[in-house]
Each structure stands twice: as structure tokens, then as C-alpha cells.
Amino acid sequence: MSASPDADRALVERLLAEGDGVLRCDPAWVARDFLPPGRRLGLPDDAYDLGERGAVCERWLASTTRADNRVGPDDEGLSHVVGEHGERVLLRDVVAADPTAVMGADYAASHPAGLGRLAKIFDYAHRLPYHVHPPQRLAARVGCNAKDESYHFLPGVDLGAHPETFFGVHPWIAEQRAHDVLLPYLVDWDSDMVLRHARAELQVPGEGFHVPSGVLHAPGTALTLELQEDSDVLSMFQALNAGRIISKELLFKDVHPDDRAADGERAALAFVDWEVNGDPWFYENRHLSPQPVDGSAGSAAESWVFYNTDKYAGKRLVVPPGGRHRLNEPGVYSVFAWSGAGTLAGHEVRGGEPGRDELVVTHAAATREHEVVNDGATDLELYLFFGPDLQPAAPTIAVHER
């Protein structure tokens, strides 16, 4: 954007006026250097490998969060809004230039940090290593947010070699407070045997899981749509993965230097919420199956797929060929078209065509009735992503207790 705040705001006003409150985003590709890519993101085969940066393994959607990689461009992970006349500006800068126009006056005032959520697709050829995201009080010590996250396993795509995710620890570890059973694996840093203390769940297309900060997890190889808090913090607990030893620095990536100096590898154990990790009802309390949206009518199918938290929410909307569906949402949201073709609020969306499959619907456009039209020959399948506190109607799982 221009160096002039007045010019920035003027550009944002023009983009919003031209789109009648709807902004189009270019795809944001993110490389990772600790695993090979699954190559299911629709890129040419020679576009995945990026040398020292690793390979493109993720696509971030309507993102205002920068990827915290060892090497990479300054804007990695950040989405760009594209205008009708070739303008290209960071969505993060659009929100900063006029948060009221994007988020609405009340929501912008109560959420000064911005959109507060990050949607992404991750695509790995091997299971991700067992890791944990620090809770807010410890993430804040390194100047970051916590990273609660939720998964939805995308349908119609090869599940990969390991379509199962390891979660948490065996209940006895929490019950007996035997937390140090994991410590030797962190100290020795030479194997994947830490997984012997976790439980695995099958990745079922169309379903998913809610994973709060503090929960150890090793996601499987299904192509996964993820919605999370706007953060990229972690601590890696598994040394050996996909045939090689991961840098031990990833164990300490978001451990405060003072804690590392005082406690060494044991400092990372403070990130773990042992009660949730050892919950014998973990599956029942965290498994996400699609839940119908109240009041949804007609031939379209509208369901909650990201819920059980007030930190974000998300829907899946399927409109049949020739169908129409009306939306009226409580605030700003972003859209990703997974398959099919049509329009949303008059804007073309085409699944499988990066650059035509991603929109941001700002507050004014979201809160007035707008229409989704399928003008293609197959189902139009869209995902809608909302930030914190925007969807109080999203379901909550009834808690099973010991």
C-alpha cells in the first residue's frame, strides 16, 4: 500500500465501493521445510519445491497472519486483496486502514486485534510430527497468541498414506500425573517413540476435530481444511519423522529463553494441558460432525463444520445446480469455494481455480441479505469462516465427564 494513511484509506474505500463490500483475494502459498508436500493443492508439479524454504505444503485463506518460518519472504502467509484494475494490497493492511468498514464499528471496537482467525488447507505426504501449541499465558510470553484449531477433512481427495491423527496421551499419564514419561524423548531427541503414549483416530472425510491449545497432536495425511486462532506458535515433541530427524530447535521454537535456560526440555511440558490430553472421552468431546444450521431451508444444505468454541466458527454450504440460497450473517466473513461454480453477492466463485475461489465479505455486505447462485453443472460447495464471537448460534458439544 501507499505510505500515506490517507491514500491507503482512499484505496480501501474504492475497493469496497467497486466490490459492493466484497473483496477478492489471491491465494497465499506457504512453504514448510520439515515434511514433503502432498501435492494436492492444484499447483503445477514443479511449483511445490522451493529450495531452502522447503516445499509448498499449505495454502492460507483470507489471512492476516504471517507464517513464522525460518526463511521466506516477509509476506509469506499473508493474503493479498486484488482489485479490478490490477491493485494488489495486503488484507492485513486493508483491515488496519479502515477496520470499521471491514468489521463494522461495534465489532472493530471490541476486537482491536483484527479478524482474529486463520483458515488454511494443509497438505502433507507424511503425518505431521507430534506437537503442541502453547496456551495464551505462555504464548503471550513470546509476544504471540494461542492457537486453538479445528479440522475438517476435505471430501473427494486421496487420504494419503497415514489418514489417522494421534491425540493427547493415555489417560493414566494424566491420572497418575506421570508427566515426566515424555521427558526422555525430548532429551534424547532421536526417535518417534513418543507416539506410543498417544491415541490415534481415523480421519473421516466430511468430519473433523476441535483441538484446543495445550493438546498434543500429530495430524494425519488427509487433505485438511483448518480454522484456528491467528497464530503460528508451536513446540515439536517428536524428533524422527518421515525418515529424518527434525531440528531440535523446533522443540524450543516458542519457549521463552528464560524458561529454556532454567528448565531445558522440561520447559516445553508446561505447554501441555494434561487434563484435556488424558480425557478418556476425548473423541466424544472433540469430534466434529456436520450440524445443520437452524432455519436453513430450500434445496441447499447449510451446516456447521467448525464449532464448539467462541474463538471462531465455520459453515459448509452446498447449493445444487440451478439452485439459489440466501444468506444474512452477523458480521464479516471469508469464503472459500471448494468445488463448482456460481456467484456469491454477485461475485464469481469457481472451485479449483485459485484466484477465483476466495472472497472476503465485509460487515455491510454480510449483514444485508445476499444470494449464492449455482450456475454450473455440479454442486457448488463453499466454506464460510467467521472470527471470534461472531456466531453465538454455533453448536456446543455436550461434555462427557469421567
Protein backbone atom coordinates (compact mmCIF):
# COMPACT_ATOMS: atom_id res chain seq x y z
CA MET A 1 0.00 0.00 0.00
CA SER A 2 0.95 3.63 -0.25
CA ALA A 3 3.00 5.18 2.55
CA SER A 4 0.23 7.74 3.08
CA PRO A 5 -2.51 6.63 5.51
CA ASP A 6 -5.00 8.91 3.73
CA ALA A 7 -4.16 7.31 0.38
CA ASP A 8 -4.44 3.84 1.95
CA ARG A 9 -7.90 4.58 3.29
CA ALA A 10 -8.96 6.06 -0.04
CA LEU A 11 -7.82 2.91 -1.85
CA VAL A 12 -9.72 0.71 0.61
CA GLU A 13 -12.86 2.80 0.16
CA ARG A 14 -12.56 2.47 -3.61
CA LEU A 15 -12.03 -1.31 -3.48
CA LEU A 16 -15.02 -1.71 -1.18
CA ALA A 17 -17.17 0.51 -3.38
CA GLU A 18 -16.21 -1.35 -6.55
CA GLY A 19 -16.95 -4.70 -4.91
CA ASP A 20 -20.07 -3.51 -3.09
CA GLY A 21 -18.47 -4.59 0.18
CA VAL A 22 -16.88 -7.79 -1.16
CA LEU A 23 -13.12 -8.21 -1.69
CA ARG A 24 -11.34 -10.85 -3.78
CA CYS A 25 -8.12 -12.47 -2.52
CA ASP A 26 -5.21 -14.12 -4.29
CA PRO A 27 -4.02 -17.45 -2.85
CA ALA A 28 -1.30 -17.32 -0.17
CA TRP A 29 1.03 -20.32 -0.53
CA VAL A 30 3.14 -21.32 2.48
CA ALA A 31 6.26 -23.49 2.43
CA ARG A 32 7.44 -25.76 5.24
CA ASP A 33 10.85 -27.39 5.48
CA PHE A 34 10.22 -30.32 7.84
CA LEU A 35 8.00 -32.55 5.63
CA PRO A 36 7.44 -33.24 1.91
CA PRO A 37 4.27 -31.88 0.29
CA GLY A 38 1.22 -33.96 -0.55
CA ARG A 39 0.95 -32.17 -3.93
CA ARG A 40 -2.86 -31.91 -3.76
CA LEU A 41 -3.17 -28.10 -3.77
CA GLY A 42 -3.65 -27.79 -7.53
CA LEU A 43 -0.25 -26.31 -8.38
CA PRO A 44 1.93 -27.46 -11.31
CA ASP A 45 4.18 -30.26 -10.10
CA ASP A 46 7.33 -28.15 -10.44
CA ALA A 47 5.88 -25.31 -8.33
CA TYR A 48 5.95 -27.13 -4.98
CA ASP A 49 9.72 -27.32 -4.35
CA LEU A 50 11.22 -24.03 -3.15
CA GLY A 51 14.80 -24.93 -2.28
CA GLU A 52 15.96 -23.76 1.15
CA ARG A 53 12.38 -22.78 2.06
CA GLY A 54 11.23 -26.38 1.70
CA ALA A 55 8.06 -27.06 -0.28
CA VAL A 56 4.57 -25.61 -0.58
CA CYS A 57 2.55 -27.65 1.92
CA GLU A 58 -0.17 -25.16 2.91
CA ARG A 59 -2.47 -22.55 1.47
CA TRP A 60 -3.67 -19.84 3.84
CA LEU A 61 -7.08 -18.32 3.16
CA ALA A 62 -8.02 -14.65 3.68
CA SER A 63 -5.07 -14.49 6.05
CA THR A 64 -3.84 -11.54 8.09
CA THR A 65 -1.28 -13.81 9.83
CA ARG A 66 2.35 -14.07 8.73
CA ALA A 67 3.89 -17.55 8.55
CA ASP A 68 6.61 -17.83 11.19
CA ASN A 69 9.16 -19.71 9.08
CA ARG A 70 12.93 -19.89 9.44
CA VAL A 71 13.41 -18.47 5.94
CA GLY A 72 10.95 -16.97 3.49
CA PRO A 73 9.54 -13.69 2.17
CA ASP A 74 8.23 -11.06 4.56
CA ASP A 75 4.67 -11.54 3.32
CA GLU A 76 4.59 -15.36 3.48
CA GLY A 77 1.15 -16.47 4.64
CA LEU A 78 -0.40 -13.03 4.20
CA SER A 79 -3.27 -12.76 1.72
CA HIS A 80 -3.45 -10.02 -0.90
CA VAL A 81 -6.66 -8.31 -1.95
CA VAL A 82 -6.77 -7.80 -5.71
CA GLY A 83 -8.73 -5.01 -7.40
CA GLU A 84 -10.41 -4.75 -10.78
CA HIS A 85 -7.62 -2.52 -12.13
CA GLY A 86 -4.60 -4.54 -11.03
CA GLU A 87 -4.35 -3.21 -7.47
CA ARG A 88 -2.79 -5.66 -5.03
CA VAL A 89 -2.72 -4.91 -1.32
CA LEU A 90 -2.33 -6.97 1.84
CA LEU A 91 -5.62 -7.86 3.51
CA ARG A 92 -3.90 -7.08 6.82
CA ASP A 93 -3.31 -3.53 5.62
CA VAL A 94 -6.88 -3.21 4.38
CA VAL A 95 -8.18 -4.12 7.85
CA ALA A 96 -5.72 -1.74 9.52
CA ALA A 97 -6.58 1.15 7.19
CA ASP A 98 -10.34 1.00 7.81
CA PRO A 99 -11.32 -1.58 10.44
CA THR A 100 -14.82 -0.09 10.78
CA ALA A 101 -15.57 -0.56 7.08
CA VAL A 102 -14.30 -4.16 7.10
CA MET A 103 -15.54 -5.32 10.51
CA GLY A 104 -18.32 -2.92 11.47
CA ALA A 105 -17.98 -0.23 14.14
CA ASP A 106 -19.01 -2.28 17.18
CA TYR A 107 -17.02 -5.38 16.28
CA ALA A 108 -13.92 -3.37 15.34
CA ALA A 109 -14.09 -1.57 18.70
CA SER A 110 -14.42 -4.80 20.69
CA HIS A 111 -11.82 -6.71 18.61
CA PRO A 112 -8.98 -4.25 18.01
CA ALA A 113 -6.58 -7.05 17.06
CA GLY A 114 -8.43 -7.56 13.77
CA LEU A 115 -10.16 -10.53 12.18
CA GLY A 116 -8.76 -12.90 14.80
CA ARG A 117 -8.90 -16.13 12.82
CA LEU A 118 -6.89 -18.01 10.21
CA ALA A 119 -8.23 -20.53 7.71
CA LYS A 120 -5.86 -22.78 5.80
CA ILE A 121 -5.53 -26.01 3.84
CA PHE A 122 -2.63 -28.24 4.81
CA ASP A 123 -1.29 -30.90 2.50
CA TYR A 124 1.50 -33.23 3.65
CA ALA A 125 2.76 -36.54 2.27
CA HIS A 126 3.57 -37.80 5.78
CA ARG A 127 1.89 -37.42 9.13
CA LEU A 128 2.80 -34.18 10.89
CA PRO A 129 5.04 -34.67 13.93
CA TYR A 130 3.54 -34.79 17.43
CA HIS A 131 3.47 -31.21 18.71
CA VAL A 132 1.60 -28.77 20.93
CA HIS A 133 0.54 -25.11 20.78
CA PRO A 134 1.12 -23.14 23.99
CA PRO A 135 -1.86 -21.76 25.92
CA GLN A 136 -2.40 -18.00 25.93
CA ARG A 137 -0.49 -17.19 29.13
CA LEU A 138 2.67 -18.88 27.77
CA ALA A 139 2.21 -17.78 24.14
CA ALA A 140 1.97 -14.20 25.42
CA ARG A 141 5.43 -14.56 27.00
CA VAL A 142 6.90 -14.68 23.48
CA GLY A 143 4.56 -11.98 22.11
CA CYS A 144 2.13 -14.34 20.38
CA ASN A 145 -1.44 -15.55 20.56
CA ALA A 146 -2.53 -19.03 21.49
CA LYS A 147 -3.51 -21.38 18.67
CA ASP A 148 -6.72 -23.27 19.27
CA GLU A 149 -7.56 -25.01 15.99
CA SER A 150 -10.16 -27.23 14.33
CA TYR A 151 -10.02 -29.60 11.37
CA HIS A 152 -12.36 -30.60 8.56
CA PHE A 153 -11.19 -33.39 6.26
CA LEU A 154 -11.99 -32.42 2.69
CA PRO A 155 -14.02 -34.94 0.69
CA GLY A 156 -13.22 -36.41 -2.71
CA VAL A 157 -9.42 -36.36 -2.34
CA ASP A 158 -6.92 -39.16 -1.74
CA LEU A 159 -6.38 -39.52 2.02
CA GLY A 160 -2.65 -40.15 1.77
CA ALA A 161 -0.53 -42.82 3.41
CA HIS A 162 -1.47 -42.18 7.06
CA PRO A 163 -5.08 -40.96 7.41
CA GLU A 164 -5.13 -41.03 11.21
CA THR A 165 -4.26 -38.42 13.81
CA PHE A 166 -2.60 -39.06 17.17
CA PHE A 167 -4.13 -37.04 20.01
CA GLY A 168 -3.26 -36.41 23.65
CA VAL A 169 -1.81 -39.01 25.99
CA HIS A 170 -3.12 -42.20 27.54
CA PRO A 171 -5.43 -41.38 30.45
CA TRP A 172 -3.17 -42.99 33.07
CA ILE A 173 -0.48 -40.37 32.39
CA ALA A 174 -2.85 -37.59 33.42
CA GLU A 175 -4.47 -39.57 36.24
CA GLN A 176 -1.14 -40.50 37.84
CA ARG A 177 0.48 -37.14 37.00
CA ALA A 178 3.23 -39.11 35.26
CA HIS A 179 4.09 -36.18 33.02
CA ASP A 180 7.81 -36.92 33.02
CA VAL A 181 7.19 -40.09 31.00
CA LEU A 182 7.53 -37.86 27.90
CA LEU A 183 10.69 -36.11 29.03
CA PRO A 184 13.29 -38.71 27.90
CA TYR A 185 12.06 -38.46 24.30
CA LEU A 186 12.57 -34.69 24.38
CA VAL A 187 16.02 -35.02 25.90
CA ASP A 188 17.30 -37.84 23.67
CA TRP A 189 15.69 -36.40 20.52
CA ASP A 190 16.38 -39.44 18.36
CA SER A 191 13.11 -41.32 17.69
CA ASP A 192 9.36 -41.25 17.13
CA MET A 193 8.61 -43.50 20.10
CA VAL A 194 6.87 -40.68 21.98
CA LEU A 195 3.81 -41.67 19.92
CA ARG A 196 3.48 -44.86 21.98
CA HIS A 197 1.86 -42.69 24.67
CA ALA A 198 -0.84 -41.20 22.38
CA ARG A 199 -4.09 -42.47 20.84
CA ALA A 200 -4.97 -42.39 17.13
CA GLU A 201 -8.30 -41.50 15.48
CA LEU A 202 -9.23 -42.15 11.85
CA GLN A 203 -9.61 -39.12 9.58
CA VAL A 204 -13.10 -39.40 8.01
CA PRO A 205 -13.86 -37.13 5.03
CA GLY A 206 -16.54 -34.59 5.89
CA GLU A 207 -15.80 -34.78 9.63
CA GLY A 208 -13.16 -33.25 11.89
CA PHE A 209 -11.89 -32.40 15.39
CA HIS A 210 -11.64 -29.42 17.73
CA VAL A 211 -8.12 -29.17 19.20
CA PRO A 212 -7.59 -26.54 21.92
CA SER A 213 -4.18 -25.09 22.73
CA GLY A 214 -2.27 -27.37 25.07
CA VAL A 215 -3.34 -30.58 23.30
CA LEU A 216 -0.60 -32.77 21.84
CA HIS A 217 -1.43 -33.93 18.33
CA ALA A 218 0.12 -35.44 15.19
CA PRO A 219 -2.25 -34.78 12.25
CA GLY A 220 -2.56 -37.43 9.55
CA THR A 221 -2.25 -37.12 5.80
CA ALA A 222 -5.84 -36.32 4.79
CA LEU A 223 -6.11 -33.03 2.92
CA THR A 224 -7.30 -30.85 5.78
CA LEU A 225 -9.18 -27.58 5.97
CA GLU A 226 -8.25 -25.92 9.25
CA LEU A 227 -9.74 -22.96 11.10
CA GLN A 228 -7.76 -21.55 14.02
CA GLU A 229 -6.76 -18.53 16.02
CA ASP A 230 -4.46 -16.15 14.15
CA SER A 231 -1.15 -17.53 15.33
CA ASP A 232 1.72 -19.77 14.19
CA VAL A 233 3.16 -20.94 17.52
CA LEU A 234 4.21 -24.49 18.41
CA SER A 235 6.57 -26.79 20.24
CA MET A 236 7.59 -30.01 18.46
CA PHE A 237 7.69 -33.15 20.64
CA GLN A 238 8.64 -35.76 18.00
CA ALA A 239 12.24 -35.97 16.78
CA LEU A 240 12.06 -38.57 14.00
CA ASN A 241 9.50 -38.11 11.24
CA ALA A 242 9.35 -39.12 7.57
CA GLY A 243 12.75 -40.78 7.91
CA ARG A 244 14.74 -37.85 9.25
CA ILE A 245 15.48 -36.06 12.49
CA ILE A 246 13.76 -32.69 12.82
CA SER A 247 15.77 -29.78 14.20
CA LYS A 248 15.51 -29.78 17.97
CA GLU A 249 15.16 -26.01 17.82
CA LEU A 250 11.50 -26.61 16.93
CA LEU A 251 11.01 -28.05 20.42
CA PHE A 252 12.04 -24.66 21.81
CA LYS A 253 10.56 -22.50 19.00
CA ASP A 254 8.11 -20.65 21.27
CA VAL A 255 9.60 -21.44 24.67
CA HIS A 256 10.69 -18.23 26.39
CA PRO A 257 14.51 -18.05 26.57
CA ASP A 258 14.40 -17.65 30.38
CA ASP A 259 12.28 -20.81 30.70
CA ARG A 260 14.62 -22.72 28.41
CA ALA A 261 17.64 -21.62 30.40
CA ALA A 262 16.02 -22.58 33.70
CA ASP A 263 14.29 -25.85 32.77
CA GLY A 264 15.69 -27.09 29.46
CA GLU A 265 13.46 -29.64 27.71
CA ARG A 266 11.14 -29.76 30.72
CA ALA A 267 10.00 -26.19 29.92
CA ALA A 268 8.00 -27.45 26.93
CA LEU A 269 5.98 -29.77 29.17
CA ALA A 270 4.42 -26.66 30.71
CA PHE A 271 2.59 -26.12 27.39
CA VAL A 272 0.58 -29.33 27.88
CA ASP A 273 -2.94 -29.30 29.35
CA TRP A 274 -2.70 -32.72 30.96
CA GLU A 275 -6.37 -32.98 31.93
CA VAL A 276 -7.63 -32.44 28.38
CA ASN A 277 -4.87 -34.59 26.87
CA GLY A 278 -5.74 -37.50 29.13
CA ASP A 279 -9.53 -37.14 28.80
CA PRO A 280 -10.92 -40.70 28.29
CA TRP A 281 -13.83 -39.06 26.43
CA PHE A 282 -11.53 -37.05 24.16
CA TYR A 283 -13.21 -38.28 20.96
CA GLU A 284 -16.73 -37.62 22.19
CA ASN A 285 -15.81 -34.15 23.48
CA ARG A 286 -13.77 -33.01 20.46
CA HIS A 287 -15.12 -34.83 17.38
CA LEU A 288 -16.89 -32.56 14.87
CA SER A 289 -19.60 -33.96 12.61
CA PRO A 290 -21.63 -31.58 10.41
CA GLN A 291 -24.58 -30.00 12.25
CA PRO A 292 -27.50 -28.43 10.33
CA VAL A 293 -27.85 -24.66 10.58
CA ASP A 294 -31.12 -23.73 12.26
CA GLY A 295 -33.58 -22.08 9.92
CA SER A 296 -31.80 -23.15 6.74
CA ALA A 297 -34.42 -24.06 4.11
CA GLY A 298 -34.71 -24.93 0.44
CA SER A 299 -32.65 -27.24 -1.73
CA ALA A 300 -29.28 -26.04 -0.40
CA ALA A 301 -27.58 -27.77 2.55
CA GLU A 302 -26.03 -25.43 5.16
CA SER A 303 -24.20 -26.99 8.09
CA TRP A 304 -21.79 -26.07 10.87
CA VAL A 305 -18.42 -27.79 10.47
CA PHE A 306 -16.33 -25.60 12.81
CA TYR A 307 -17.93 -25.06 16.21
CA ASN A 308 -17.62 -25.85 19.95
CA THR A 309 -15.71 -22.62 20.62
CA ASP A 310 -16.35 -18.87 20.61
CA LYS A 311 -12.90 -18.20 19.08
CA TYR A 312 -14.04 -18.92 15.51
CA ALA A 313 -16.80 -20.70 13.60
CA GLY A 314 -17.36 -22.07 10.11
CA LYS A 315 -20.05 -23.42 7.81
CA ARG A 316 -20.23 -25.62 4.73
CA LEU A 317 -22.80 -24.59 2.13
CA VAL A 318 -23.75 -26.86 -0.77
CA VAL A 319 -26.04 -25.41 -3.47
CA PRO A 320 -27.26 -27.79 -6.23
CA PRO A 321 -27.08 -26.92 -9.94
CA GLY A 322 -29.55 -24.15 -10.73
CA GLY A 323 -30.12 -23.54 -7.03
CA ARG A 324 -30.17 -20.30 -5.06
CA HIS A 325 -29.61 -19.72 -1.36
CA ARG A 326 -29.94 -16.52 0.66
CA LEU A 327 -27.53 -15.56 3.42
CA ASN A 328 -27.68 -12.90 6.11
CA GLU A 329 -24.76 -13.14 8.53
CA PRO A 330 -23.95 -11.29 11.78
CA GLY A 331 -20.63 -9.91 10.57
CA VAL A 332 -17.57 -10.08 8.33
CA TYR A 333 -16.61 -13.49 6.97
CA SER A 334 -14.44 -15.06 4.30
CA VAL A 335 -15.39 -17.63 1.66
CA PHE A 336 -13.51 -20.49 0.04
CA ALA A 337 -15.04 -22.30 -2.94
CA TRP A 338 -14.05 -25.96 -2.82
CA SER A 339 -15.92 -27.15 -5.93
CA GLY A 340 -18.45 -26.00 -8.50
CA ALA A 341 -19.14 -22.56 -9.98
CA GLY A 342 -21.51 -19.71 -9.31
CA THR A 343 -21.79 -16.33 -7.65
CA LEU A 344 -21.91 -15.00 -4.09
CA ALA A 345 -23.33 -11.50 -3.65
CA GLY A 346 -22.86 -11.06 -7.39
CA HIS A 347 -19.19 -12.10 -7.39
CA GLU A 348 -17.97 -15.07 -9.38
CA VAL A 349 -16.61 -18.04 -7.42
CA ARG A 350 -15.07 -21.11 -9.02
CA GLY A 351 -13.80 -24.07 -7.01
CA GLY A 352 -10.42 -25.41 -8.05
CA GLU A 353 -9.33 -22.11 -9.63
CA PRO A 354 -7.01 -20.22 -7.27
CA GLY A 355 -7.65 -16.52 -7.74
CA ARG A 356 -11.38 -17.10 -8.36
CA ASP A 357 -12.19 -19.16 -5.27
CA GLU A 358 -11.62 -16.79 -2.34
CA LEU A 359 -13.61 -13.77 -1.12
CA VAL A 360 -13.93 -11.57 1.97
CA VAL A 361 -17.47 -10.36 2.65
CA THR A 362 -17.16 -7.26 4.81
CA HIS A 363 -19.62 -6.22 7.52
CA ALA A 364 -22.02 -4.14 5.42
CA ALA A 365 -22.33 -6.80 2.71
CA ALA A 366 -22.52 -9.69 5.18
CA THR A 367 -25.30 -8.19 7.31
CA ARG A 368 -27.65 -7.43 4.43
CA GLU A 369 -29.35 -10.31 2.65
CA HIS A 370 -27.21 -11.62 -0.19
CA GLU A 371 -27.55 -14.55 -2.52
CA VAL A 372 -25.49 -17.57 -3.55
CA VAL A 373 -26.33 -18.83 -7.05
CA ASN A 374 -25.10 -22.06 -8.63
CA ASP A 375 -24.84 -21.52 -12.38
CA GLY A 376 -22.73 -24.62 -13.01
CA ALA A 377 -23.44 -28.26 -13.78
CA THR A 378 -22.32 -29.69 -10.42
CA ASP A 379 -22.85 -28.83 -6.75
CA LEU A 380 -21.37 -25.52 -5.62
CA GLU A 381 -19.60 -26.25 -2.34
CA LEU A 382 -18.49 -23.26 -0.24
CA TYR A 383 -16.90 -22.86 3.19
CA LEU A 384 -17.60 -19.73 5.25
CA PHE A 385 -15.21 -18.66 8.04
CA PHE A 386 -16.05 -16.35 10.95
CA GLY A 387 -13.85 -14.79 13.63
CA PRO A 388 -14.23 -14.73 17.41
CA ASP A 389 -17.63 -14.03 18.98
CA LEU A 390 -19.42 -13.65 15.65
CA GLN A 391 -21.55 -16.80 15.68
CA PRO A 392 -23.12 -17.41 19.12
CA ALA A 393 -25.60 -19.76 17.42
CA ALA A 394 -22.85 -22.24 16.53
CA PRO A 395 -23.34 -25.58 18.38
CA THR A 396 -21.52 -26.68 21.52
CA ILE A 397 -20.77 -30.33 22.22
CA ALA A 398 -22.36 -31.64 25.42
CA VAL A 399 -19.41 -32.56 27.62
CA HIS A 400 -18.90 -36.18 28.65
CA GLU A 401 -17.18 -36.36 32.02
CA ARG A 402 -15.29 -39.05 33.87
